[in-house]
N, C-alpha and C. Protein backbone atom coordinates (compact mmCIF):
# COMPACT_ATOMS: atom_id res chain seq x y z
N UNK A 1 0.88 -1.07 -0.06
CA UNK A 1 -0.31 -0.06 0.04
C UNK A 1 0.72 1.24 -0.43
N UNK A 2 0.67 2.10 -1.03
CA UNK A 2 1.41 3.34 -0.98
C UNK A 2 0.25 4.34 -0.81
N UNK A 3 0.78 5.70 -0.33
CA UNK A 3 0.28 7.20 0.18
C UNK A 3 -0.81 7.29 -1.05
N UNK A 4 -0.39 6.75 -2.42
CA UNK A 4 -1.59 7.81 -3.06
C UNK A 4 -2.95 6.70 -3.18
N UNK A 5 -2.48 5.49 -2.46
CA UNK A 5 -3.89 4.27 -2.37
C UNK A 5 -3.56 4.07 -1.35
N UNK A 6 -4.33 4.94 -0.34
CA UNK A 6 -4.59 4.60 1.31
C UNK A 6 -5.47 2.99 1.22
N UNK A 7 -6.61 2.80 0.30
CA UNK A 7 -7.45 2.17 0.85
C UNK A 7 -7.35 0.65 0.06
N UNK A 8 -7.88 -0.09 0.71
CA UNK A 8 -7.21 -1.64 0.21
C UNK A 8 -8.31 -2.13 -0.86
N UNK A 9 -8.11 -2.80 -1.78
CA UNK A 9 -9.55 -2.67 -2.83
C UNK A 9 -8.64 -4.28 -2.94
N UNK A 10 -10.11 -4.86 -3.26
CA UNK A 10 -9.48 -6.76 -4.31
C UNK A 10 -9.45 -6.32 -5.33
N UNK A 11 -9.28 -6.94 -6.33
CA UNK A 11 -8.95 -6.76 -8.23
C UNK A 11 -10.07 -7.90 -8.34
N UNK A 12 -10.87 -7.08 -9.01
CA UNK A 12 -11.46 -8.24 -9.50
C UNK A 12 -12.46 -7.77 -11.14
N UNK A 13 -13.03 -8.22 -12.04
CA UNK A 13 -12.98 -7.92 -13.15
C UNK A 13 -14.57 -7.13 -12.78
N UNK A 14 -14.23 -5.90 -13.88
CA UNK A 14 -15.37 -4.62 -13.46
C UNK A 14 -15.44 -3.72 -14.63
N UNK A 15 -16.47 -3.34 -14.78
CA UNK A 15 -16.72 -2.34 -16.21
C UNK A 15 -15.80 -1.12 -15.75
N UNK A 16 -14.99 -0.93 -16.96
CA UNK A 16 -14.35 0.79 -17.06
C UNK A 16 -15.14 1.77 -16.45
N UNK A 17 -14.27 2.45 -15.72
CA UNK A 17 -15.09 4.18 -14.60
C UNK A 17 -14.27 5.36 -15.18
N UNK A 18 -13.29 5.37 -15.02
CA UNK A 18 -12.76 6.52 -15.14
C UNK A 18 -12.50 6.48 -16.66
N UNK A 19 -13.10 7.96 -16.95
CA UNK A 19 -13.36 8.66 -18.37
C UNK A 19 -12.06 8.77 -18.84
N UNK A 20 -10.96 8.72 -18.07
CA UNK A 20 -9.89 8.86 -19.26
C UNK A 20 -8.72 7.90 -19.49
N UNK A 21 -9.04 7.13 -18.50
CA UNK A 21 -8.08 5.52 -18.73
C UNK A 21 -8.93 4.33 -18.82
N UNK A 22 -10.33 4.56 -18.30
CA UNK A 22 -11.02 3.12 -18.17
C UNK A 22 -10.58 2.96 -17.05
N UNK A 23 -9.72 3.07 -16.09
CA UNK A 23 -9.51 2.04 -14.55
C UNK A 23 -10.86 2.04 -14.58
N UNK A 24 -11.29 0.59 -13.35
CA UNK A 24 -12.48 0.29 -12.78
C UNK A 24 -12.62 1.07 -11.68
N UNK A 25 -11.57 1.91 -11.00
CA UNK A 25 -11.42 2.41 -9.73
C UNK A 25 -11.90 3.33 -9.53
N UNK A 26 -12.14 4.27 -8.96
CA UNK A 26 -11.98 5.83 -8.99
C UNK A 26 -12.46 6.13 -7.45
N UNK A 27 -11.37 6.92 -6.81
CA UNK A 27 -11.85 7.57 -5.19
C UNK A 27 -12.57 8.66 -5.49
N UNK A 28 -13.66 8.41 -4.51
CA UNK A 28 -14.43 9.85 -3.99
C UNK A 28 -14.31 10.13 -2.76
N UNK A 29 -14.04 11.67 -2.44
CA UNK A 29 -14.23 12.36 -1.54
C UNK A 29 -15.81 12.60 -1.05
N UNK A 30 -16.05 12.12 0.26
CA UNK A 30 -17.33 12.26 0.99
C UNK A 30 -16.75 12.69 2.49
N UNK A 31 -18.32 13.25 2.82
CA UNK A 31 -18.40 14.16 4.08
C UNK A 31 -19.16 13.28 5.44
N UNK A 32 -18.46 13.10 6.15
CA UNK A 32 -18.69 12.36 7.47
C UNK A 32 -18.80 12.91 8.70
N UNK A 33 -20.02 12.86 9.12
CA UNK A 33 -20.35 13.70 10.69
C UNK A 33 -19.14 12.65 11.46
N UNK A 34 -18.73 13.34 12.29
CA UNK A 34 -18.18 12.84 13.89
C UNK A 34 -18.33 13.66 14.76
N UNK A 35 -19.26 13.49 15.52
CA UNK A 35 -19.35 13.94 16.99
C UNK A 35 -17.97 13.40 17.66
N UNK A 36 -17.87 14.45 18.85
CA UNK A 36 -17.00 14.00 19.79
C UNK A 36 -17.48 14.57 21.49
N UNK A 37 -16.87 13.59 22.59
CA UNK A 37 -17.33 14.16 23.70
C UNK A 37 -15.92 14.19 24.19
N UNK A 38 -15.66 15.27 24.74
CA UNK A 38 -14.11 15.86 25.29
C UNK A 38 -14.32 16.53 26.71
N UNK A 39 -12.66 16.41 27.59
CA UNK A 39 -12.99 16.86 28.98
C UNK A 39 -11.71 17.72 28.87
N UNK A 40 -11.70 18.52 29.61
CA UNK A 40 -9.97 19.10 29.41
C UNK A 40 -9.15 18.72 30.62
N UNK A 41 -7.99 18.36 30.27
CA UNK A 41 -7.11 17.59 31.11
C UNK A 41 -5.90 18.74 32.04
N UNK A 42 -6.31 19.02 33.31
CA UNK A 42 -5.49 19.63 33.80
C UNK A 42 -4.02 19.95 33.67
N UNK A 43 -3.63 18.74 33.56
CA UNK A 43 -2.13 18.00 33.51
C UNK A 43 -1.61 18.34 32.43
N UNK A 44 -2.68 18.06 31.09
CA UNK A 44 -1.62 18.57 29.73
C UNK A 44 -1.98 19.52 29.03
N UNK A 45 -3.09 20.18 30.00
CA UNK A 45 -3.87 21.91 30.11
C UNK A 45 -4.73 21.52 28.51
N UNK A 46 -5.28 20.19 27.57
CA UNK A 46 -5.66 19.95 26.69
C UNK A 46 -7.17 19.60 26.28
N UNK A 47 -7.81 19.76 25.68
CA UNK A 47 -9.40 18.56 25.43
C UNK A 47 -8.52 17.78 24.89
N UNK A 48 -9.34 16.31 25.37
CA UNK A 48 -9.09 14.82 25.15
C UNK A 48 -10.13 14.22 25.28
N UNK A 49 -10.14 13.67 23.70
CA UNK A 49 -11.52 12.85 23.51
C UNK A 49 -11.73 12.19 23.82
N UNK A 50 -13.19 11.82 24.77
CA UNK A 50 -13.11 10.62 25.43
C UNK A 50 -14.26 9.81 24.69
N UNK A 51 -14.64 10.08 23.93
CA UNK A 51 -15.89 9.73 23.39
C UNK A 51 -16.21 9.62 21.64
N UNK A 52 -16.09 9.53 20.38
CA UNK A 52 -16.45 9.76 19.33
C UNK A 52 -17.45 8.67 18.87
N UNK A 53 -18.33 9.83 17.71
CA UNK A 53 -19.68 8.95 17.50
C UNK A 53 -19.60 9.01 16.25
N UNK A 54 -19.35 8.13 14.70
CA UNK A 54 -19.19 8.69 13.33
C UNK A 54 -20.63 8.58 12.92
N UNK A 55 -21.03 9.26 11.34
CA UNK A 55 -22.42 9.49 11.22
C UNK A 55 -22.26 8.46 10.21
N UNK A 56 -23.37 8.74 9.35
CA UNK A 56 -23.28 8.06 8.00
C UNK A 56 -22.37 8.96 7.07
N UNK A 57 -21.84 8.43 5.71
CA UNK A 57 -20.74 8.99 4.83
C UNK A 57 -21.69 9.00 3.53
N UNK A 58 -21.72 9.95 3.05
CA UNK A 58 -22.42 10.39 1.91
C UNK A 58 -21.72 11.41 0.46
N UNK A 59 -21.99 11.16 -0.73
CA UNK A 59 -21.54 12.16 -1.60
C UNK A 59 -23.04 11.92 -2.56
N UNK A 60 -22.66 13.39 -2.89
CA UNK A 60 -23.69 13.69 -4.23
C UNK A 60 -22.77 13.84 -5.24
N UNK A 61 -23.33 14.25 -6.44
CA UNK A 61 -22.73 14.47 -7.77
C UNK A 61 -22.19 15.57 -8.35
N UNK A 62 -21.93 16.39 -7.38
CA UNK A 62 -20.64 17.31 -7.37
C UNK A 62 -19.71 16.79 -6.69
N UNK A 63 -19.79 15.81 -5.83
CA UNK A 63 -18.34 15.31 -5.14
C UNK A 63 -16.92 15.36 -5.60
N UNK A 64 -15.84 15.67 -5.25
CA UNK A 64 -15.01 15.31 -5.59
C UNK A 64 -14.63 13.91 -6.29
N UNK A 65 -14.34 13.51 -7.54
CA UNK A 65 -13.67 11.86 -7.81
C UNK A 65 -12.48 11.91 -8.14
N UNK A 66 -11.37 10.93 -8.07
CA UNK A 66 -10.23 10.97 -9.32
C UNK A 66 -10.25 9.53 -8.83
N UNK A 67 -9.14 9.56 -10.14
CA UNK A 67 -8.26 8.05 -10.69
C UNK A 67 -7.00 8.32 -10.14
N UNK A 68 -6.69 7.13 -8.93
CA UNK A 68 -5.24 7.18 -9.15
C UNK A 68 -4.42 6.64 -9.99
N UNK A 69 -4.67 5.98 -10.92
CA UNK A 69 -4.09 4.99 -11.93
C UNK A 69 -3.63 6.13 -12.98
N UNK A 70 -4.44 7.39 -13.33
CA UNK A 70 -4.26 8.18 -14.68
C UNK A 70 -4.01 9.45 -13.93
N UNK A 71 -4.58 9.95 -12.59
CA UNK A 71 -4.71 11.27 -12.06
C UNK A 71 -5.57 12.08 -12.67
N UNK A 72 -7.02 11.21 -13.36
CA UNK A 72 -8.14 12.09 -13.62
C UNK A 72 -8.82 12.65 -12.47
N UNK A 73 -9.13 13.86 -12.96
CA UNK A 73 -10.19 14.57 -12.04
C UNK A 73 -11.13 15.24 -12.06
N UNK A 74 -12.19 15.01 -11.33
CA UNK A 74 -13.69 15.07 -12.28
C UNK A 74 -14.50 15.44 -10.93
N UNK A 75 -15.86 14.98 -10.93
CA UNK A 75 -16.91 14.70 -9.93
C UNK A 75 -17.87 13.97 -10.25
N UNK A 76 -18.53 13.53 -9.46
CA UNK A 76 -19.58 12.07 -9.25
C UNK A 76 -20.19 11.90 -10.85
N UNK A 77 -20.37 13.23 -10.95
CA UNK A 77 -21.59 13.56 -11.95
C UNK A 77 -21.07 12.75 -13.58
N UNK A 78 -19.81 12.75 -13.80
CA UNK A 78 -19.04 13.01 -15.19
C UNK A 78 -18.97 11.53 -14.81
N UNK A 79 -19.11 10.46 -13.99
CA UNK A 79 -18.62 9.30 -13.86
C UNK A 79 -20.43 8.76 -14.16
N UNK A 80 -21.06 9.11 -13.85
CA UNK A 80 -22.30 8.92 -14.00
C UNK A 80 -23.19 9.16 -15.41
N UNK A 81 -22.25 10.27 -15.85
CA UNK A 81 -23.09 10.64 -17.37
C UNK A 81 -22.90 9.35 -18.22
N UNK A 82 -21.80 8.47 -18.12
CA UNK A 82 -21.55 7.34 -19.06
C UNK A 82 -22.58 5.99 -19.14
N UNK A 83 -22.77 6.27 -17.96
CA UNK A 83 -23.67 5.00 -17.80
C UNK A 83 -25.02 4.45 -18.60
């Protein structure tokens, strides 16, 4: 695994997705809501996380998308236009 591809994936036969090189794998940047419970530590004089709660992740047609094979960059809508 390298810095440009931190997400593991299993290679399998898939339809081309990248509009530039035809790679079947595209990265989409999505938003995720995270809620933290914190307290202030007197010894370290900083906020310390004592609980975190992750919400649903979602993307829209305007969300950024990228191909790690050829460096194409665009939006999810551009991927859906080809379908």
